Amino acid sequence: MSGIQRTALVLIIIGAINWGLIGFFQFDLVASIFGGQDAGMARIVYGLVGIAGLINLGLLFKPSPEISREPETKPTR
């Protein structure tokens, strides 16, 4: 996983925590930190989380090493 994908994953986790807070407690952490949903910094954070989701969308279709590995052949006796 590249550094960009790791950074994007961190942003996605931040976004998921924010959405969880909104869903369970009706509290928007990003908006409260940056002065409301219409504040410039809040909009930048929302935009970065969205871009991070698009960057990591490729991970959904990336073959897993466990799945794509060839089965081991054991010698027969």
N, C-alpha and C. Protein backbone atom coordinates (compact mmCIF):
# COMPACT_ATOMS: atom_id res chain seq x y z
N MET A 1 0.85 -1.17 0.00
CA MET A 1 0.00 0.00 0.00
C MET A 1 0.90 1.24 0.00
N SER A 2 0.62 2.15 -0.88
CA SER A 2 1.46 3.34 -1.01
C SER A 2 1.14 4.36 0.10
N GLY A 3 2.00 5.34 0.22
CA GLY A 3 1.81 6.38 1.22
C GLY A 3 0.54 7.19 0.97
N ILE A 4 0.22 7.41 -0.30
CA ILE A 4 -1.00 8.15 -0.64
C ILE A 4 -2.22 7.35 -0.21
N GLN A 5 -2.20 6.04 -0.44
CA GLN A 5 -3.34 5.21 -0.04
C GLN A 5 -3.47 5.15 1.48
N ARG A 6 -2.36 5.12 2.19
CA ARG A 6 -2.42 5.11 3.66
C ARG A 6 -3.01 6.42 4.18
N THR A 7 -2.57 7.53 3.61
CA THR A 7 -3.10 8.83 4.01
C THR A 7 -4.59 8.90 3.69
N ALA A 8 -4.97 8.41 2.52
CA ALA A 8 -6.38 8.40 2.15
C ALA A 8 -7.18 7.51 3.09
N LEU A 9 -6.61 6.41 3.52
CA LEU A 9 -7.30 5.53 4.45
C LEU A 9 -7.52 6.22 5.79
N VAL A 10 -6.54 6.98 6.26
CA VAL A 10 -6.71 7.73 7.51
C VAL A 10 -7.85 8.74 7.36
N LEU A 11 -7.90 9.43 6.22
CA LEU A 11 -8.98 10.39 5.99
C LEU A 11 -10.34 9.70 5.93
N ILE A 12 -10.39 8.52 5.36
CA ILE A 12 -11.64 7.76 5.30
C ILE A 12 -12.08 7.36 6.70
N ILE A 13 -11.14 6.98 7.54
CA ILE A 13 -11.47 6.61 8.92
C ILE A 13 -12.01 7.83 9.67
N ILE A 14 -11.38 9.00 9.47
CA ILE A 14 -11.88 10.23 10.08
C ILE A 14 -13.31 10.51 9.61
N GLY A 15 -13.55 10.34 8.32
CA GLY A 15 -14.89 10.54 7.78
C GLY A 15 -15.89 9.55 8.35
N ALA A 16 -15.48 8.31 8.52
CA ALA A 16 -16.37 7.29 9.07
C ALA A 16 -16.72 7.60 10.53
N ILE A 17 -15.74 8.06 11.29
CA ILE A 17 -16.01 8.45 12.68
C ILE A 17 -16.98 9.63 12.71
N ASN A 18 -16.76 10.60 11.82
CA ASN A 18 -17.66 11.75 11.77
C ASN A 18 -19.08 11.33 11.41
N TRP A 19 -19.22 10.45 10.42
CA TRP A 19 -20.56 9.98 10.03
C TRP A 19 -21.20 9.17 11.15
N GLY A 20 -20.41 8.40 11.88
CA GLY A 20 -20.95 7.67 13.03
C GLY A 20 -21.47 8.61 14.09
N LEU A 21 -20.71 9.69 14.36
CA LEU A 21 -21.17 10.68 15.34
C LEU A 21 -22.45 11.37 14.87
N ILE A 22 -22.53 11.65 13.58
CA ILE A 22 -23.74 12.27 13.04
C ILE A 22 -24.92 11.31 13.17
N GLY A 23 -24.70 10.06 12.82
CA GLY A 23 -25.79 9.07 12.85
C GLY A 23 -26.29 8.76 14.24
N PHE A 24 -25.37 8.61 15.19
CA PHE A 24 -25.77 8.21 16.54
C PHE A 24 -26.12 9.38 17.46
N PHE A 25 -25.42 10.49 17.29
CA PHE A 25 -25.58 11.58 18.26
C PHE A 25 -25.98 12.92 17.63
N GLN A 26 -26.19 12.95 16.30
CA GLN A 26 -26.50 14.18 15.58
C GLN A 26 -25.46 15.27 15.88
N PHE A 27 -24.19 14.87 15.91
CA PHE A 27 -23.09 15.79 16.21
C PHE A 27 -22.07 15.70 15.09
N ASP A 28 -21.86 16.81 14.39
CA ASP A 28 -20.90 16.87 13.30
C ASP A 28 -19.58 17.42 13.85
N LEU A 29 -18.63 16.54 14.09
CA LEU A 29 -17.36 16.92 14.69
C LEU A 29 -16.57 17.87 13.79
N VAL A 30 -16.53 17.59 12.51
CA VAL A 30 -15.78 18.43 11.58
C VAL A 30 -16.36 19.85 11.56
N ALA A 31 -17.68 19.94 11.50
CA ALA A 31 -18.32 21.26 11.48
C ALA A 31 -18.09 22.00 12.79
N SER A 32 -18.11 21.29 13.91
CA SER A 32 -17.91 21.97 15.19
C SER A 32 -16.46 22.44 15.37
N ILE A 33 -15.51 21.70 14.82
CA ILE A 33 -14.10 22.10 14.93
C ILE A 33 -13.82 23.31 14.03
N PHE A 34 -14.38 23.30 12.83
CA PHE A 34 -14.02 24.32 11.85
C PHE A 34 -15.06 25.42 11.67
N GLY A 35 -16.07 25.50 12.54
CA GLY A 35 -16.99 26.63 12.51
C GLY A 35 -18.22 26.46 11.64
N GLY A 36 -18.72 25.29 11.48
CA GLY A 36 -19.95 25.06 10.71
C GLY A 36 -19.69 24.37 9.39
N GLN A 37 -20.75 23.80 8.84
CA GLN A 37 -20.61 23.05 7.60
C GLN A 37 -20.24 23.93 6.41
N ASP A 38 -20.60 25.21 6.47
CA ASP A 38 -20.31 26.10 5.35
C ASP A 38 -18.96 26.79 5.46
N ALA A 39 -18.23 26.55 6.56
CA ALA A 39 -16.91 27.15 6.72
C ALA A 39 -15.96 26.56 5.69
N GLY A 40 -15.03 27.38 5.24
CA GLY A 40 -14.10 26.95 4.20
C GLY A 40 -13.28 25.73 4.57
N MET A 41 -12.75 25.71 5.78
CA MET A 41 -11.93 24.57 6.21
C MET A 41 -12.76 23.29 6.31
N ALA A 42 -13.98 23.39 6.79
CA ALA A 42 -14.84 22.21 6.89
C ALA A 42 -15.12 21.66 5.50
N ARG A 43 -15.36 22.53 4.55
CA ARG A 43 -15.62 22.08 3.18
C ARG A 43 -14.39 21.42 2.58
N ILE A 44 -13.21 21.93 2.93
CA ILE A 44 -11.96 21.31 2.44
C ILE A 44 -11.82 19.91 3.03
N VAL A 45 -12.10 19.76 4.33
CA VAL A 45 -12.01 18.44 4.97
C VAL A 45 -13.01 17.49 4.33
N TYR A 46 -14.25 17.94 4.12
CA TYR A 46 -15.25 17.08 3.48
C TYR A 46 -14.79 16.67 2.08
N GLY A 47 -14.22 17.61 1.34
CA GLY A 47 -13.73 17.32 0.00
C GLY A 47 -12.58 16.33 0.01
N LEU A 48 -11.64 16.50 0.96
CA LEU A 48 -10.51 15.57 1.05
C LEU A 48 -10.97 14.16 1.41
N VAL A 49 -11.97 14.06 2.28
CA VAL A 49 -12.50 12.74 2.64
C VAL A 49 -13.14 12.10 1.41
N GLY A 50 -13.85 12.88 0.61
CA GLY A 50 -14.46 12.35 -0.61
C GLY A 50 -13.41 11.88 -1.62
N ILE A 51 -12.37 12.68 -1.81
CA ILE A 51 -11.29 12.30 -2.73
C ILE A 51 -10.58 11.05 -2.21
N ALA A 52 -10.39 10.97 -0.88
CA ALA A 52 -9.74 9.80 -0.29
C ALA A 52 -10.56 8.54 -0.57
N GLY A 53 -11.87 8.67 -0.53
CA GLY A 53 -12.73 7.52 -0.84
C GLY A 53 -12.54 7.07 -2.28
N LEU A 54 -12.42 8.02 -3.18
CA LEU A 54 -12.20 7.66 -4.59
C LEU A 54 -10.83 7.03 -4.80
N ILE A 55 -9.83 7.52 -4.10
CA ILE A 55 -8.48 6.95 -4.22
C ILE A 55 -8.48 5.50 -3.75
N ASN A 56 -9.14 5.23 -2.64
CA ASN A 56 -9.12 3.88 -2.09
C ASN A 56 -10.18 2.97 -2.70
N LEU A 57 -10.96 3.49 -3.62
CA LEU A 57 -11.93 2.65 -4.32
C LEU A 57 -11.21 1.53 -5.08
N GLY A 58 -10.02 1.81 -5.55
CA GLY A 58 -9.23 0.79 -6.26
C GLY A 58 -8.87 -0.39 -5.38
N LEU A 59 -8.76 -0.16 -4.06
CA LEU A 59 -8.44 -1.27 -3.15
C LEU A 59 -9.55 -2.32 -3.12
N LEU A 60 -10.77 -1.88 -3.43
CA LEU A 60 -11.90 -2.80 -3.44
C LEU A 60 -11.74 -3.87 -4.51
N PHE A 61 -11.11 -3.50 -5.61
CA PHE A 61 -10.98 -4.42 -6.73
C PHE A 61 -9.59 -5.04 -6.84
N LYS A 62 -8.70 -4.69 -5.92
CA LYS A 62 -7.35 -5.23 -5.94
C LYS A 62 -7.38 -6.67 -5.43
N PRO A 63 -6.78 -7.59 -6.16
CA PRO A 63 -6.81 -8.98 -5.71
C PRO A 63 -6.04 -9.16 -4.40
N SER A 64 -6.61 -9.92 -3.52
CA SER A 64 -5.98 -10.21 -2.24
C SER A 64 -4.88 -11.23 -2.44
N PRO A 65 -3.73 -11.05 -1.77
CA PRO A 65 -2.65 -12.03 -1.92
C PRO A 65 -3.07 -13.43 -1.49
N GLU A 66 -3.99 -13.51 -0.54
CA GLU A 66 -4.43 -14.82 -0.08
C GLU A 66 -5.29 -15.52 -1.12
N ILE A 67 -6.03 -14.74 -1.89
CA ILE A 67 -6.92 -15.32 -2.89
C ILE A 67 -6.16 -15.63 -4.18
N SER A 68 -5.27 -14.71 -4.58
CA SER A 68 -4.60 -14.87 -5.86
C SER A 68 -3.41 -15.82 -5.82
N ARG A 69 -3.03 -16.25 -4.64
CA ARG A 69 -1.88 -17.14 -4.53
C ARG A 69 -2.25 -18.53 -5.05
N GLU A 70 -1.32 -19.12 -5.74
CA GLU A 70 -1.52 -20.46 -6.26
C GLU A 70 -1.48 -21.46 -5.11
N PRO A 71 -2.32 -22.48 -5.15
CA PRO A 71 -2.28 -23.48 -4.07
C PRO A 71 -0.96 -24.24 -4.09
N GLU A 72 -0.50 -24.56 -2.91
CA GLU A 72 0.75 -25.31 -2.80
C GLU A 72 0.50 -26.76 -3.18
N THR A 73 1.41 -27.30 -3.94
CA THR A 73 1.31 -28.71 -4.30
C THR A 73 2.23 -29.50 -3.39
N LYS A 74 1.70 -30.51 -2.82
CA LYS A 74 2.50 -31.36 -1.93
C LYS A 74 2.90 -32.61 -2.70
N PRO A 75 4.13 -33.01 -2.51
CA PRO A 75 4.57 -34.21 -3.22
C PRO A 75 3.78 -35.44 -2.75
N THR A 76 3.47 -36.26 -3.69
CA THR A 76 2.77 -37.51 -3.36
C THR A 76 3.80 -38.60 -3.05
N ARG A 77 3.43 -39.50 -2.23
CA ARG A 77 4.36 -40.57 -1.83
C ARG A 77 4.21 -41.79 -2.69
